[in-house]
Amino acid sequence: MKSVTNKELISVILINIGALAFAIYIWLIYDHRQTIINSEEPIQNYSVLEVNCYRKSGSNILIEFKGKQYYVEVVRDKCIQFDPQKIQFFYDKERDEVYEESGLAVRQVVACFILYLCSCIWLFTVIRKRLSSS
C-alpha cells in the first residue's frame, strides 16, 4: 500500500475546507432569499422584455424594474408556460438583485452539503491510509 505524503494530505484538507466554505456560502444565499420571500411583497411594477427558455443552460427572463434591466433565472417549466400573473419576482435591496421564488431550491443546498460530506469521506480515507502505513 502506497503511503500518503504530506502534500496529498494537505491538498485533501484544503479541498475539504473549500467544499465546506462553498456549502455554507450557498446556504447563506438561500437563507437570505427565503427571508426576503417571507418578509417582502412580490414586485408588481415590472415589464417583461425577453423570455429565454433553454434546455441545457438555465432559462431566464429579462425584466425591467425601477429603470434597470435584470436577468432572472427561472425553472424551465415556469419559463415554457410563462404567465406574468402566476410567477412572483422579489427584489433584494441590499444586493440589487431580482429573483424568482424558486430561483435557489433546497435541493441545490443539499447537493452542496453532500459534496462536502463526500470530501469528508475522502479526507477520512486519506487519514486512515496514512495512519495504517505509519
Protein backbone atom coordinates (compact mmCIF):
# COMPACT_ATOMS: atom_id res chain seq x y z
CA MET A 1 0.00 0.00 0.00
CA LYS A 2 1.38 3.39 -1.03
CA SER A 3 1.80 5.85 1.83
CA VAL A 4 0.16 9.26 1.74
CA THR A 5 2.50 12.23 1.55
CA ASN A 6 2.06 15.47 3.48
CA LYS A 7 1.36 17.28 0.21
CA GLU A 8 -1.52 14.92 -0.64
CA LEU A 9 -2.96 15.20 2.87
CA ILE A 10 -2.80 19.00 2.84
CA SER A 11 -4.43 19.16 -0.59
CA VAL A 12 -7.33 16.95 0.56
CA ILE A 13 -7.74 19.09 3.70
CA LEU A 14 -7.84 22.26 1.56
CA ILE A 15 -10.43 20.69 -0.77
CA ASN A 16 -12.48 19.75 2.29
CA ILE A 17 -12.32 23.29 3.69
CA GLY A 18 -13.20 24.74 0.27
CA ALA A 19 -16.21 22.43 -0.07
CA LEU A 20 -17.42 23.43 3.41
CA ALA A 21 -16.98 27.15 2.66
CA PHE A 22 -18.90 26.77 -0.62
CA ALA A 23 -21.74 24.85 1.07
CA ILE A 24 -22.05 27.49 3.80
CA TYR A 25 -22.00 30.28 1.20
CA ILE A 26 -24.83 28.63 -0.78
CA TRP A 27 -26.81 28.08 2.43
CA LEU A 28 -26.41 31.75 3.42
CA ILE A 29 -27.66 32.87 -0.01
CA TYR A 30 -30.63 30.51 0.29
CA ASP A 31 -31.42 31.71 3.81
CA HIS A 32 -31.19 35.37 2.75
CA ARG A 33 -33.55 34.79 -0.18
CA GLN A 34 -36.02 32.89 1.98
CA THR A 35 -36.01 35.76 4.48
CA ILE A 36 -36.86 38.22 1.70
CA ILE A 37 -39.56 35.95 0.26
CA ASN A 38 -41.18 35.60 3.69
CA SER A 39 -40.93 39.27 4.68
CA GLU A 40 -41.37 41.23 1.43
CA GLU A 41 -44.19 41.51 -1.06
CA PRO A 42 -43.56 40.39 -4.65
CA ILE A 43 -42.74 43.24 -7.02
CA GLN A 44 -45.61 44.40 -9.22
CA ASN A 45 -44.41 47.23 -11.43
CA TYR A 46 -42.07 45.41 -13.80
CA SER A 47 -42.16 44.81 -17.53
CA VAL A 48 -41.04 41.64 -19.27
CA LEU A 49 -38.62 42.37 -22.10
CA GLU A 50 -37.50 38.88 -23.11
CA VAL A 51 -38.19 35.25 -22.22
CA ASN A 52 -35.37 32.74 -22.86
CA CYS A 53 -36.21 29.07 -22.39
CA TYR A 54 -33.22 26.80 -22.92
CA ARG A 55 -32.87 23.07 -22.46
CA LYS A 56 -29.28 22.66 -21.32
CA SER A 57 -28.33 26.05 -19.96
CA GLY A 58 -30.55 27.81 -17.46
CA SER A 59 -33.72 29.58 -18.52
CA ASN A 60 -34.05 33.26 -17.73
CA ILE A 61 -36.38 36.19 -18.15
CA LEU A 62 -35.20 39.72 -18.83
CA ILE A 63 -37.31 42.21 -16.91
CA GLU A 64 -37.16 45.94 -16.34
CA PHE A 65 -37.74 47.13 -12.79
CA LYS A 66 -37.16 50.67 -11.49
CA GLY A 67 -35.47 51.67 -14.74
CA LYS A 68 -32.90 48.84 -14.63
CA GLN A 69 -32.78 45.57 -16.52
CA TYR A 70 -32.39 42.28 -14.65
CA TYR A 71 -31.90 38.74 -15.91
CA VAL A 72 -33.89 36.50 -13.59
CA GLU A 73 -33.21 32.76 -13.55
CA VAL A 74 -36.35 30.63 -13.60
CA VAL A 75 -37.08 26.94 -13.75
CA ARG A 76 -37.78 25.69 -17.25
CA ASP A 77 -41.39 24.70 -16.50
CA LYS A 78 -42.31 28.25 -15.50
CA CYS A 79 -40.46 29.63 -18.49
CA ILE A 80 -42.27 27.47 -21.06
CA GLN A 81 -45.71 28.21 -19.63
CA PHE A 82 -44.85 31.81 -18.79
CA ASP A 83 -47.73 33.70 -17.22
CA PRO A 84 -46.83 37.03 -15.60
CA GLN A 85 -49.79 36.64 -13.22
CA LYS A 86 -48.54 33.32 -11.79
CA ILE A 87 -44.83 34.00 -11.43
CA GLN A 88 -43.60 36.08 -8.49
CA PHE A 89 -40.41 38.15 -8.53
CA PHE A 90 -38.72 39.52 -5.42
CA TYR A 91 -36.28 42.41 -5.16
CA ASP A 92 -33.24 42.29 -2.89
CA LYS A 93 -32.41 45.90 -1.98
CA GLU A 94 -29.05 45.04 -0.37
CA ARG A 95 -27.65 43.21 -3.40
CA ASP A 96 -29.73 44.96 -6.09
CA GLU A 97 -30.99 41.64 -7.46
CA VAL A 98 -34.33 40.39 -8.67
CA TYR A 99 -35.08 36.69 -8.40
CA GLU A 100 -37.96 34.30 -8.71
CA GLU A 101 -39.12 32.42 -5.62
CA SER A 102 -37.83 29.05 -6.87
CA GLY A 103 -34.53 30.50 -8.10
CA LEU A 104 -32.45 28.69 -5.49
CA ALA A 105 -34.02 25.43 -4.39
CA VAL A 106 -33.32 23.40 -1.27
CA ARG A 107 -32.03 20.58 -3.47
CA GLN A 108 -29.11 22.77 -4.57
CA VAL A 109 -28.19 23.49 -0.96
CA VAL A 110 -28.45 19.78 -0.11
CA ALA A 111 -26.26 18.90 -3.12
CA CYS A 112 -23.53 21.26 -1.84
CA PHE A 113 -23.58 19.65 1.60
CA ILE A 114 -23.48 16.18 0.01
CA LEU A 115 -20.39 17.32 -1.89
CA TYR A 116 -18.89 18.41 1.43
CA LEU A 117 -19.73 15.04 3.04
CA CYS A 118 -18.05 13.24 0.13
CA SER A 119 -14.94 15.34 0.69
CA CYS A 120 -15.09 14.37 4.39
CA ILE A 121 -15.19 10.69 3.45
CA TRP A 122 -12.23 11.24 1.13
CA LEU A 123 -10.34 13.02 3.93
CA PHE A 124 -11.04 10.21 6.41
CA THR A 125 -9.85 7.55 3.95
CA VAL A 126 -6.64 9.51 3.30
CA ILE A 127 -6.02 9.90 7.05
CA ARG A 128 -6.73 6.21 7.64
CA LYS A 129 -4.41 5.22 4.81
CA ARG A 130 -1.70 7.44 6.28
CA LEU A 131 -2.13 6.01 9.79
CA SER A 132 -2.09 2.42 8.55
CA SER A 133 1.11 3.00 6.56
CA SER A 134 2.91 4.53 9.56
